[in-house]
Amino acid sequence: MRQIPKLLGPILSKIGKFPVAITHQEPLAKRIEGIKQSIKFQLKKVLTINIAVANVGLTDEQIRQNISTSINFLVSLLKKGWQNYKTIYIKTTMGKSLKIYG
């Protein structure tokens, strides 16, 4: 059991699936909801970034808030801020892309 982190740790960390310890003080349901509501950004040397920000169970206001939060977070990560963005599109699963910036 002690060798599992040693053997699988580098592989699981690389793909972002490394297990997280949960204490008895925090409720399990609250921790699960927090993980479901999180997004992982991977900034590599690519020109496009694709992010899933909503699903069909969310209201219009929740979707708008998720899009706004994710865009503002990405702006804060980059050195030049909004100058790094050329265009921003929103794409639904089966629909057309909608240009919202640029």
PDB file of N, CA and C in Angstrom:
ATOM      1  N   MET A   1       0.817  -1.196   0.000  1.00  0.00           N
ATOM      2  CA  MET A   1       0.000   0.000   0.000  1.00  0.00           C
ATOM      3  C   MET A   1       0.862   1.261   0.000  1.00  0.00           C
ATOM      4  N   ARG A   2       2.013   1.207   0.632  1.00  0.00           N
ATOM      5  CA  ARG A   2       2.871   2.378   0.701  1.00  0.00           C
ATOM      6  C   ARG A   2       3.566   2.666  -0.620  1.00  0.00           C
ATOM      7  N   GLN A   3       3.642   1.681  -1.496  1.00  0.00           N
ATOM      8  CA  GLN A   3       4.332   1.882  -2.766  1.00  0.00           C
ATOM      9  C   GLN A   3       3.432   2.436  -3.864  1.00  0.00           C
ATOM     10  N   ILE A   4       2.132   2.497  -3.601  1.00  0.00           N
ATOM     11  CA  ILE A   4       1.205   3.012  -4.618  1.00  0.00           C
ATOM     12  C   ILE A   4       1.536   4.458  -4.990  1.00  0.00           C
ATOM     13  N   PRO A   5       1.694   5.381  -4.016  1.00  0.00           N
ATOM     14  CA  PRO A   5       2.056   6.747  -4.415  1.00  0.00           C
ATOM     15  C   PRO A   5       3.400   6.815  -5.126  1.00  0.00           C
ATOM     16  N   LYS A   6       4.319   5.969  -4.717  1.00  0.00           N
ATOM     17  CA  LYS A   6       5.650   5.976  -5.313  1.00  0.00           C
ATOM     18  C   LYS A   6       5.608   5.515  -6.769  1.00  0.00           C
ATOM     19  N   LEU A   7       4.796   4.493  -7.056  1.00  0.00           N
ATOM     20  CA  LEU A   7       4.730   3.945  -8.402  1.00  0.00           C
ATOM     21  C   LEU A   7       3.774   4.725  -9.314  1.00  0.00           C
ATOM     22  N   LEU A   8       2.596   5.054  -8.788  1.00  0.00           N
ATOM     23  CA  LEU A   8       1.581   5.692  -9.616  1.00  0.00           C
ATOM     24  C   LEU A   8       1.563   7.210  -9.495  1.00  0.00           C
ATOM     25  N   GLY A   9       2.272   7.759  -8.505  1.00  0.00           N
ATOM     26  CA  GLY A   9       2.260   9.198  -8.264  1.00  0.00           C
ATOM     27  C   GLY A   9       2.618  10.046  -9.466  1.00  0.00           C
ATOM     28  N   PRO A  10       3.743   9.794 -10.118  1.00  0.00           N
ATOM     29  CA  PRO A  10       4.096  10.617 -11.281  1.00  0.00           C
ATOM     30  C   PRO A  10       3.080  10.536 -12.420  1.00  0.00           C
ATOM     31  N   ILE A  11       2.523   9.363 -12.638  1.00  0.00           N
ATOM     32  CA  ILE A  11       1.548   9.189 -13.722  1.00  0.00           C
ATOM     33  C   ILE A  11       0.249   9.902 -13.378  1.00  0.00           C
ATOM     34  N   LEU A  12      -0.255   9.695 -12.158  1.00  0.00           N
ATOM     35  CA  LEU A  12      -1.517  10.312 -11.757  1.00  0.00           C
ATOM     36  C   LEU A  12      -1.394  11.825 -11.657  1.00  0.00           C
ATOM     37  N   SER A  13      -0.275  12.327 -11.205  1.00  0.00           N
ATOM     38  CA  SER A  13      -0.073  13.777 -11.121  1.00  0.00           C
ATOM     39  C   SER A  13      -0.039  14.406 -12.506  1.00  0.00           C
ATOM     40  N   LYS A  14       0.566  13.722 -13.435  1.00  0.00           N
ATOM     41  CA  LYS A  14       0.690  14.247 -14.793  1.00  0.00           C
ATOM     42  C   LYS A  14      -0.669  14.417 -15.458  1.00  0.00           C
ATOM     43  N   ILE A  15      -1.588  13.489 -15.214  1.00  0.00           N
ATOM     44  CA  ILE A  15      -2.913  13.583 -15.826  1.00  0.00           C
ATOM     45  C   ILE A  15      -3.922  14.276 -14.916  1.00  0.00           C
ATOM     46  N   GLY A  16      -3.492  14.726 -13.729  1.00  0.00           N
ATOM     47  CA  GLY A  16      -4.370  15.469 -12.832  1.00  0.00           C
ATOM     48  C   GLY A  16      -5.360  14.614 -12.071  1.00  0.00           C
ATOM     49  N   LYS A  17      -5.047  13.366 -11.809  1.00  0.00           N
ATOM     50  CA  LYS A  17      -5.955  12.444 -11.125  1.00  0.00           C
ATOM     51  C   LYS A  17      -5.406  11.946  -9.796  1.00  0.00           C
ATOM     52  N   PHE A  18      -4.438  12.644  -9.213  1.00  0.00           N
ATOM     53  CA  PHE A  18      -3.848  12.193  -7.960  1.00  0.00           C
ATOM     54  C   PHE A  18      -4.876  12.328  -6.839  1.00  0.00           C
ATOM     55  N   PRO A  19      -5.052  11.326  -5.991  1.00  0.00           N
ATOM     56  CA  PRO A  19      -6.057  11.383  -4.921  1.00  0.00           C
ATOM     57  C   PRO A  19      -5.725  12.465  -3.892  1.00  0.00           C
ATOM     58  N   VAL A  20      -6.778  13.031  -3.332  1.00  0.00           N
ATOM     59  CA  VAL A  20      -6.642  14.097  -2.347  1.00  0.00           C
ATOM     60  C   VAL A  20      -7.156  13.582  -1.006  1.00  0.00           C
ATOM     61  N   ALA A  21      -6.427  13.842   0.054  1.00  0.00           N
ATOM     62  CA  ALA A  21      -6.847  13.413   1.391  1.00  0.00           C
ATOM     63  C   ALA A  21      -8.015  14.272   1.868  1.00  0.00           C
ATOM     64  N   ILE A  22      -8.997  13.628   2.479  1.00  0.00           N
ATOM     65  CA  ILE A  22     -10.163  14.321   3.022  1.00  0.00           C
ATOM     66  C   ILE A  22     -10.178  14.084   4.528  1.00  0.00           C
ATOM     67  N   THR A  23     -10.324  15.177   5.280  1.00  0.00           N
ATOM     68  CA  THR A  23     -10.358  15.070   6.736  1.00  0.00           C
ATOM     69  C   THR A  23     -11.777  14.819   7.227  1.00  0.00           C
ATOM     70  N   HIS A  24     -11.897  14.458   8.490  1.00  0.00           N
ATOM     71  CA  HIS A  24     -13.206  14.198   9.083  1.00  0.00           C
ATOM     72  C   HIS A  24     -13.945  15.487   9.420  1.00  0.00           C
ATOM     73  N   GLN A  25     -13.241  16.609   9.461  1.00  0.00           N
ATOM     74  CA  GLN A  25     -13.875  17.864   9.845  1.00  0.00           C
ATOM     75  C   GLN A  25     -14.779  18.429   8.742  1.00  0.00           C
ATOM     76  N   GLU A  26     -14.445  18.221   7.486  1.00  0.00           N
ATOM     77  CA  GLU A  26     -15.259  18.771   6.419  1.00  0.00           C
ATOM     78  C   GLU A  26     -16.226  17.716   5.885  1.00  0.00           C
ATOM     79  N   PRO A  27     -17.467  18.122   5.585  1.00  0.00           N
ATOM     80  CA  PRO A  27     -18.447  17.160   5.071  1.00  0.00           C
ATOM     81  C   PRO A  27     -18.059  16.671   3.667  1.00  0.00           C
ATOM     82  N   LEU A  28     -18.290  15.401   3.426  1.00  0.00           N
ATOM     83  CA  LEU A  28     -17.919  14.788   2.155  1.00  0.00           C
ATOM     84  C   LEU A  28     -18.722  15.374   0.994  1.00  0.00           C
ATOM     85  N   ALA A  29     -20.016  15.629   1.203  1.00  0.00           N
ATOM     86  CA  ALA A  29     -20.859  16.171   0.139  1.00  0.00           C
ATOM     87  C   ALA A  29     -20.376  17.554  -0.299  1.00  0.00           C
ATOM     88  N   LYS A  30     -19.936  18.366   0.654  1.00  0.00           N
ATOM     89  CA  LYS A  30     -19.440  19.707   0.337  1.00  0.00           C
ATOM     90  C   LYS A  30     -18.149  19.617  -0.485  1.00  0.00           C
ATOM     91  N   ARG A  31     -17.289  18.692  -0.142  1.00  0.00           N
ATOM     92  CA  ARG A  31     -16.026  18.501  -0.865  1.00  0.00           C
ATOM     93  C   ARG A  31     -16.280  18.029  -2.298  1.00  0.00           C
ATOM     94  N   ILE A  32     -17.246  17.118  -2.470  1.00  0.00           N
ATOM     95  CA  ILE A  32     -17.583  16.601  -3.796  1.00  0.00           C
ATOM     96  C   ILE A  32     -18.153  17.720  -4.669  1.00  0.00           C
ATOM     97  N   GLU A  33     -19.033  18.551  -4.114  1.00  0.00           N
ATOM     98  CA  GLU A  33     -19.590  19.676  -4.869  1.00  0.00           C
ATOM     99  C   GLU A  33     -18.507  20.661  -5.280  1.00  0.00           C
ATOM    100  N   GLY A  34     -17.547  20.901  -4.407  1.00  0.00           N
ATOM    101  CA  GLY A  34     -16.445  21.805  -4.731  1.00  0.00           C
ATOM    102  C   GLY A  34     -15.594  21.285  -5.877  1.00  0.00           C
ATOM    103  N   ILE A  35     -15.366  19.977  -5.897  1.00  0.00           N
ATOM    104  CA  ILE A  35     -14.586  19.369  -6.979  1.00  0.00           C
ATOM    105  C   ILE A  35     -15.366  19.400  -8.290  1.00  0.00           C
ATOM    106  N   LYS A  36     -16.670  19.179  -8.231  1.00  0.00           N
ATOM    107  CA  LYS A  36     -17.498  19.227  -9.431  1.00  0.00           C
ATOM    108  C   LYS A  36     -17.523  20.622 -10.047  1.00  0.00           C
ATOM    109  N   GLN A  37     -17.406  21.635  -9.213  1.00  0.00           N
ATOM    110  CA  GLN A  37     -17.501  23.013  -9.689  1.00  0.00           C
ATOM    111  C   GLN A  37     -16.146  23.608 -10.060  1.00  0.00           C
ATOM    112  N   SER A  38     -15.106  22.815 -10.074  1.00  0.00           N
ATOM    113  CA  SER A  38     -13.781  23.344 -10.381  1.00  0.00           C
ATOM    114  C   SER A  38     -13.417  23.063 -11.841  1.00  0.00           C
ATOM    115  N   ILE A  39     -12.551  23.921 -12.358  1.00  0.00           N
ATOM    116  CA  ILE A  39     -12.052  23.794 -13.725  1.00  0.00           C
ATOM    117  C   ILE A  39     -10.536  23.783 -13.657  1.00  0.00           C
ATOM    118  N   LYS A  40      -9.919  22.957 -14.458  1.00  0.00           N
ATOM    119  CA  LYS A  40      -8.458  22.914 -14.499  1.00  0.00           C
ATOM    120  C   LYS A  40      -7.988  23.538 -15.803  1.00  0.00           C
ATOM    121  N   PHE A  41      -7.190  24.581 -15.694  1.00  0.00           N
ATOM    122  CA  PHE A  41      -6.626  25.242 -16.860  1.00  0.00           C
ATOM    123  C   PHE A  41      -5.223  24.712 -17.090  1.00  0.00           C
ATOM    124  N   GLN A  42      -4.921  24.373 -18.320  1.00  0.00           N
ATOM    125  CA  GLN A  42      -3.582  23.942 -18.680  1.00  0.00           C
ATOM    126  C   GLN A  42      -3.065  24.885 -19.747  1.00  0.00           C
ATOM    127  N   LEU A  43      -2.175  25.769 -19.353  1.00  0.00           N
ATOM    128  CA  LEU A  43      -1.600  26.720 -20.295  1.00  0.00           C
ATOM    129  C   LEU A  43      -0.321  26.132 -20.867  1.00  0.00           C
ATOM    130  N   LYS A  44      -0.377  25.759 -22.107  1.00  0.00           N
ATOM    131  CA  LYS A  44       0.784  25.235 -22.802  1.00  0.00           C
ATOM    132  C   LYS A  44       1.067  26.164 -23.968  1.00  0.00           C
ATOM    133  N   LYS A  45       1.997  25.800 -24.804  1.00  0.00           N
ATOM    134  CA  LYS A  45       2.355  26.655 -25.934  1.00  0.00           C
ATOM    135  C   LYS A  45       1.446  26.375 -27.124  1.00  0.00           C
ATOM    136  N   VAL A  46       0.153  26.622 -26.922  1.00  0.00           N
ATOM    137  CA  VAL A  46      -0.821  26.473 -27.992  1.00  0.00           C
ATOM    138  C   VAL A  46      -1.543  27.802 -28.176  1.00  0.00           C
ATOM    139  N   LEU A  47      -2.184  27.969 -29.312  1.00  0.00           N
ATOM    140  CA  LEU A  47      -2.852  29.226 -29.607  1.00  0.00           C
ATOM    141  C   LEU A  47      -4.318  29.241 -29.200  1.00  0.00           C
ATOM    142  N   THR A  48      -4.884  28.078 -28.901  1.00  0.00           N
ATOM    143  CA  THR A  48      -6.291  28.017 -28.496  1.00  0.00           C
ATOM    144  C   THR A  48      -6.420  27.277 -27.176  1.00  0.00           C
ATOM    145  N   ILE A  49      -7.432  27.656 -26.417  1.00  0.00           N
ATOM    146  CA  ILE A  49      -7.742  26.987 -25.163  1.00  0.00           C
ATOM    147  C   ILE A  49      -9.227  26.656 -25.182  1.00  0.00           C
ATOM    148  N   ASN A  50      -9.581  25.423 -24.886  1.00  0.00           N
ATOM    149  CA  ASN A  50     -10.965  24.987 -24.817  1.00  0.00           C
ATOM    150  C   ASN A  50     -11.305  24.661 -23.367  1.00  0.00           C
ATOM    151  N   ILE A  51     -12.430  25.193 -22.886  1.00  0.00           N
ATOM    152  CA  ILE A  51     -12.821  24.997 -21.500  1.00  0.00           C
ATOM    153  C   ILE A  51     -14.309  24.662 -21.456  1.00  0.00           C
ATOM    154  N   ALA A  52     -14.682  23.627 -20.716  1.00  0.00           N
ATOM    155  CA  ALA A  52     -16.085  23.319 -20.483  1.00  0.00           C
ATOM    156  C   ALA A  52     -16.526  24.117 -19.257  1.00  0.00           C
ATOM    157  N   VAL A  53     -17.504  25.005 -19.439  1.00  0.00           N
ATOM    158  CA  VAL A  53     -17.912  25.879 -18.341  1.00  0.00           C
ATOM    159  C   VAL A  53     -19.340  25.644 -17.871  1.00  0.00           C
ATOM    160  N   ALA A  54     -20.100  24.801 -18.532  1.00  0.00           N
ATOM    161  CA  ALA A  54     -21.495  24.615 -18.136  1.00  0.00           C
ATOM    162  C   ALA A  54     -22.005  23.263 -18.604  1.00  0.00           C
ATOM    163  N   ASN A  55     -23.177  22.917 -18.082  1.00  0.00           N
ATOM    164  CA  ASN A  55     -23.889  21.742 -18.556  1.00  0.00           C
ATOM    165  C   ASN A  55     -25.378  22.078 -18.620  1.00  0.00           C
ATOM    166  N   VAL A  56     -26.199  21.150 -19.050  1.00  0.00           N
ATOM    167  CA  VAL A  56     -27.611  21.437 -19.275  1.00  0.00           C
ATOM    168  C   VAL A  56     -28.380  21.665 -17.972  1.00  0.00           C
ATOM    169  N   GLY A  57     -27.837  21.257 -16.839  1.00  0.00           N
ATOM    170  CA  GLY A  57     -28.530  21.426 -15.574  1.00  0.00           C
ATOM    171  C   GLY A  57     -28.398  22.806 -14.952  1.00  0.00           C
ATOM    172  N   LEU A  58     -27.617  23.695 -15.553  1.00  0.00           N
ATOM    173  CA  LEU A  58     -27.393  25.027 -14.998  1.00  0.00           C
ATOM    174  C   LEU A  58     -28.369  26.042 -15.580  1.00  0.00           C
ATOM    175  N   THR A  59     -28.655  27.073 -14.792  1.00  0.00           N
ATOM    176  CA  THR A  59     -29.512  28.156 -15.265  1.00  0.00           C
ATOM    177  C   THR A  59     -28.684  29.110 -16.132  1.00  0.00           C
ATOM    178  N   ASP A  60     -29.380  30.012 -16.819  1.00  0.00           N
ATOM    179  CA  ASP A  60     -28.698  30.990 -17.668  1.00  0.00           C
ATOM    180  C   ASP A  60     -27.765  31.876 -16.847  1.00  0.00           C
ATOM    181  N   GLU A  61     -28.185  32.260 -15.667  1.00  0.00           N
ATOM    182  CA  GLU A  61     -27.360  33.109 -14.802  1.00  0.00           C
ATOM    183  C   GLU A  61     -26.101  32.373 -14.341  1.00  0.00           C
ATOM    184  N   GLN A  62     -26.217  31.101 -14.006  1.00  0.00           N
ATOM    185  CA  GLN A  62     -25.052  30.312 -13.601  1.00  0.00           C
ATOM    186  C   GLN A  62     -24.074  30.142 -14.760  1.00  0.00           C
ATOM    187  N   ILE A  63     -24.583  29.944 -15.956  1.00  0.00           N
ATOM    188  CA  ILE A  63     -23.721  29.814 -17.133  1.00  0.00           C
ATOM    189  C   ILE A  63     -22.988  31.119 -17.392  1.00  0.00           C
ATOM    190  N   ARG A  64     -23.709  32.248 -17.320  1.00  0.00           N
ATOM    191  CA  ARG A  64     -23.087  33.554 -17.523  1.00  0.00           C
ATOM    192  C   ARG A  64     -22.001  33.804 -16.493  1.00  0.00           C
ATOM    193  N   GLN A  65     -22.278  33.448 -15.249  1.00  0.00           N
ATOM    194  CA  GLN A  65     -21.300  33.636 -14.176  1.00  0.00           C
ATOM    195  C   GLN A  65     -20.071  32.746 -14.389  1.00  0.00           C
ATOM    196  N   ASN A  66     -20.263  31.506 -14.812  1.00  0.00           N
ATOM    197  CA  ASN A  66     -19.140  30.600 -15.068  1.00  0.00           C
ATOM    198  C   ASN A  66     -18.258  31.110 -16.211  1.00  0.00           C
ATOM    199  N   ILE A  67     -18.884  31.602 -17.267  1.00  0.00           N
ATOM    200  CA  ILE A  67     -18.119  32.126 -18.400  1.00  0.00           C
ATOM    201  C   ILE A  67     -17.323  33.350 -17.977  1.00  0.00           C
ATOM    202  N   SER A  68     -17.973  34.253 -17.267  1.00  0.00           N
ATOM    203  CA  SER A  68     -17.308  35.473 -16.809  1.00  0.00           C
ATOM    204  C   SER A  68     -16.142  35.165 -15.878  1.00  0.00           C
ATOM    205  N   THR A  69     -16.351  34.273 -14.937  1.00  0.00           N
ATOM    206  CA  THR A  69     -15.304  33.912 -13.984  1.00  0.00           C
ATOM    207  C   THR A  69     -14.125  33.245 -14.679  1.00  0.00           C
ATOM    208  N   SER A  70     -14.394  32.330 -15.591  1.00  0.00           N
ATOM    209  CA  SER A  70     -13.300  31.627 -16.262  1.00  0.00           C
ATOM    210  C   SER A  70     -12.495  32.565 -17.164  1.00  0.00           C
ATOM    211  N   ILE A  71     -13.161  33.472 -17.870  1.00  0.00           N
ATOM    212  CA  ILE A  71     -12.439  34.417 -18.731  1.00  0.00           C
ATOM    213  C   ILE A  71     -11.589  35.355 -17.881  1.00  0.00           C
ATOM    214  N   ASN A  72     -12.157  35.885 -16.806  1.00  0.00           N
ATOM    215  CA  ASN A  72     -11.399  36.796 -15.944  1.00  0.00           C
ATOM    216  C   ASN A  72     -10.220  36.092 -15.278  1.00  0.00           C
ATOM    217  N   PHE A  73     -10.381  34.830 -14.923  1.00  0.00           N
ATOM    218  CA  PHE A  73      -9.281  34.079 -14.334  1.00  0.00           C
ATOM    219  C   PHE A  73      -8.159  33.880 -15.343  1.00  0.00           C
ATOM    220  N   LEU A  74      -8.511  33.547 -16.584  1.00  0.00           N
ATOM    221  CA  LEU A  74      -7.490  33.387 -17.617  1.00  0.00           C
ATOM    222  C   LEU A  74      -6.767  34.704 -17.901  1.00  0.00           C
ATOM    223  N   VAL A  75      -7.501  35.809 -17.882  1.00  0.00           N
ATOM    224  CA  VAL A  75      -6.874  37.120 -18.086  1.00  0.00           C
ATOM    225  C   VAL A  75      -5.860  37.386 -16.978  1.00  0.00           C
ATOM    226  N   SER A  76      -6.197  37.016 -15.753  1.00  0.00           N
ATOM    227  CA  SER A  76      -5.289  37.261 -14.629  1.00  0.00           C
ATOM    228  C   SER A  76      -4.038  36.378 -14.701  1.00  0.00           C
ATOM    229  N   LEU A  77      -4.103  35.235 -15.369  1.00  0.00           N
ATOM    230  CA  LEU A  77      -2.947  34.348 -15.478  1.00  0.00           C
ATOM    231  C   LEU A  77      -1.906  34.850 -16.473  1.00  0.00           C
ATOM    232  N   LEU A  78      -2.347  35.535 -17.488  1.00  0.00           N
ATOM    233  CA  LEU A  78      -1.447  35.949 -18.556  1.00  0.00           C
ATOM    234  C   LEU A  78      -0.817  37.305 -18.241  1.00  0.00           C
ATOM    235  N   LYS A  79       0.433  37.482 -18.657  1.00  0.00           N
ATOM    236  CA  LYS A  79       1.201  38.678 -18.299  1.00  0.00           C
ATOM    237  C   LYS A  79       0.606  39.960 -18.882  1.00  0.00           C
ATOM    238  N   LYS A  80       0.198  39.931 -20.125  1.00  0.00           N
ATOM    239  CA  LYS A  80      -0.304  41.140 -20.774  1.00  0.00           C
ATOM    240  C   LYS A  80      -1.809  41.311 -20.636  1.00  0.00           C
ATOM    241  N   GLY A  81      -2.468  40.425 -19.924  1.00  0.00           N
ATOM    242  CA  GLY A  81      -3.913  40.550 -19.706  1.00  0.00           C
ATOM    243  C   GLY A  81      -4.706  40.416 -20.992  1.00  0.00           C
ATOM    244  N   TRP A  82      -5.590  41.384 -21.228  1.00  0.00           N
ATOM    245  CA  TRP A  82      -6.484  41.335 -22.384  1.00  0.00           C
ATOM    246  C   TRP A  82      -5.739  41.500 -23.704  1.00  0.00           C
ATOM    247  N   GLN A  83      -4.522  41.980 -23.698  1.00  0.00           N
ATOM    248  CA  GLN A  83      -3.771  42.147 -24.940  1.00  0.00           C
ATOM    249  C   GLN A  83      -3.386  40.799 -25.557  1.00  0.00           C
ATOM    250  N   ASN A  84      -3.425  39.727 -24.777  1.00  0.00           N
ATOM    251  CA  ASN A  84      -3.111  38.392 -25.290  1.00  0.00           C
ATOM    252  C   ASN A  84      -4.273  37.780 -26.069  1.00  0.00           C
ATOM    253  N   TYR A  85      -5.475  38.306 -25.882  1.00  0.00           N
ATOM    254  CA  TYR A  85      -6.653  37.734 -26.528  1.00  0.00           C
ATOM    255  C   TYR A  85      -6.894  38.380 -27.873  1.00  0.00           C
ATOM    256  N   LYS A  86      -7.120  37.556 -28.872  1.00  0.00           N
ATOM    257  CA  LYS A  86      -7.506  38.063 -30.179  1.00  0.00           C
ATOM    258  C   LYS A  86      -9.019  37.961 -30.321  1.00  0.00           C
ATOM    259  N   THR A  87      -9.550  36.775 -30.083  1.00  0.00           N
ATOM    260  CA  THR A  87     -11.000  36.571 -30.110  1.00  0.00           C
ATOM    261  C   THR A  87     -11.385  35.550 -29.045  1.00  0.00           C
ATOM    262  N   ILE A  88     -12.631  35.627 -28.593  1.00  0.00           N
ATOM    263  CA  ILE A  88     -13.201  34.650 -27.663  1.00  0.00           C
ATOM    264  C   ILE A  88     -14.539  34.199 -28.238  1.00  0.00           C
ATOM    265  N   TYR A  89     -14.714  32.891 -28.319  1.00  0.00           N
ATOM    266  CA  TYR A  89     -15.944  32.298 -28.826  1.00  0.00           C
ATOM    267  C   TYR A  89     -16.585  31.437 -27.750  1.00  0.00           C
ATOM    268  N   ILE A  90     -17.912  31.355 -27.815  1.00  0.00           N
ATOM    269  CA  ILE A  90     -18.661  30.394 -27.005  1.00  0.00           C
ATOM    270  C   ILE A  90     -19.224  29.367 -27.975  1.00  0.00           C
ATOM    271  N   LYS A  91     -19.044  28.100 -27.641  1.00  0.00           N
ATOM    272  CA  LYS A  91     -19.503  27.023 -28.518  1.00  0.00           C
ATOM    273  C   LYS A  91     -20.352  26.063 -27.711  1.00  0.00           C
ATOM    274  N   THR A  92     -21.574  25.822 -28.161  1.00  0.00           N
ATOM    275  CA  THR A  92     -22.400  24.796 -27.545  1.00  0.00           C
ATOM    276  C   THR A  92     -22.052  23.452 -28.170  1.00  0.00           C
ATOM    277  N   THR A  93     -22.552  22.399 -27.582  1.00  0.00           N
ATOM    278  CA  THR A  93     -22.201  21.066 -28.052  1.00  0.00           C
ATOM    279  C   THR A  93     -22.615  20.843 -29.494  1.00  0.00           C
ATOM    280  N   MET A  94     -23.836  21.159 -29.813  1.00  0.00           N
ATOM    281  CA  MET A  94     -24.348  20.873 -31.151  1.00  0.00           C
ATOM    282  C   MET A  94     -24.622  22.139 -31.978  1.00  0.00           C
ATOM    283  N   GLY A  95     -24.316  23.311 -31.434  1.00  0.00           N
ATOM    284  CA  GLY A  95     -24.647  24.556 -32.121  1.00  0.00           C
ATOM    285  C   GLY A  95     -23.458  25.230 -32.756  1.00  0.00           C
ATOM    286  N   LYS A  96     -23.720  26.428 -33.264  1.00  0.00           N
ATOM    287  CA  LYS A  96     -22.669  27.220 -33.891  1.00  0.00           C
ATOM    288  C   LYS A  96     -21.885  27.980 -32.825  1.00  0.00           C
ATOM    289  N   SER A  97     -20.709  28.454 -33.202  1.00  0.00           N
ATOM    290  CA  SER A  97     -19.886  29.279 -32.325  1.00  0.00           C
ATOM    291  C   SER A  97     -20.414  30.700 -32.320  1.00  0.00           C
ATOM    292  N   LEU A  98     -20.392  31.329 -31.147  1.00  0.00           N
ATOM    293  CA  LEU A  98     -20.804  32.716 -31.007  1.00  0.00           C
ATOM    294  C   LEU A  98     -19.595  33.538 -30.574  1.00  0.00           C
ATOM    295  N   LYS A  99     -19.282  34.574 -31.334  1.00  0.00           N
ATOM    296  CA  LYS A  99     -18.140  35.427 -31.026  1.00  0.00           C
ATOM    297  C   LYS A  99     -18.555  36.431 -29.961  1.00  0.00           C
ATOM    298  N   ILE A 100     -17.835  36.453 -28.811  1.00  0.00           N
ATOM    299  CA  ILE A 100     -18.190  37.390 -27.752  1.00  0.00           C
ATOM    300  C   ILE A 100     -17.124  38.453 -27.523  1.00  0.00           C
ATOM    301  N   TYR A 101     -15.933  38.281 -28.109  1.00  0.00           N
ATOM    302  CA  TYR A 101     -14.874  39.274 -27.966  1.00  0.00           C
ATOM    303  C   TYR A 101     -13.978  39.220 -29.184  1.00  0.00           C
ATOM    304  N   GLY A 102     -13.594  40.388 -29.661  1.00  0.00           N
ATOM    305  CA  GLY A 102     -12.617  40.465 -30.743  1.00  0.00           C
ATOM    306  C   GLY A 102     -13.179  40.840 -32.061  1.00  0.00           C
TER     307      GLY A 102
END
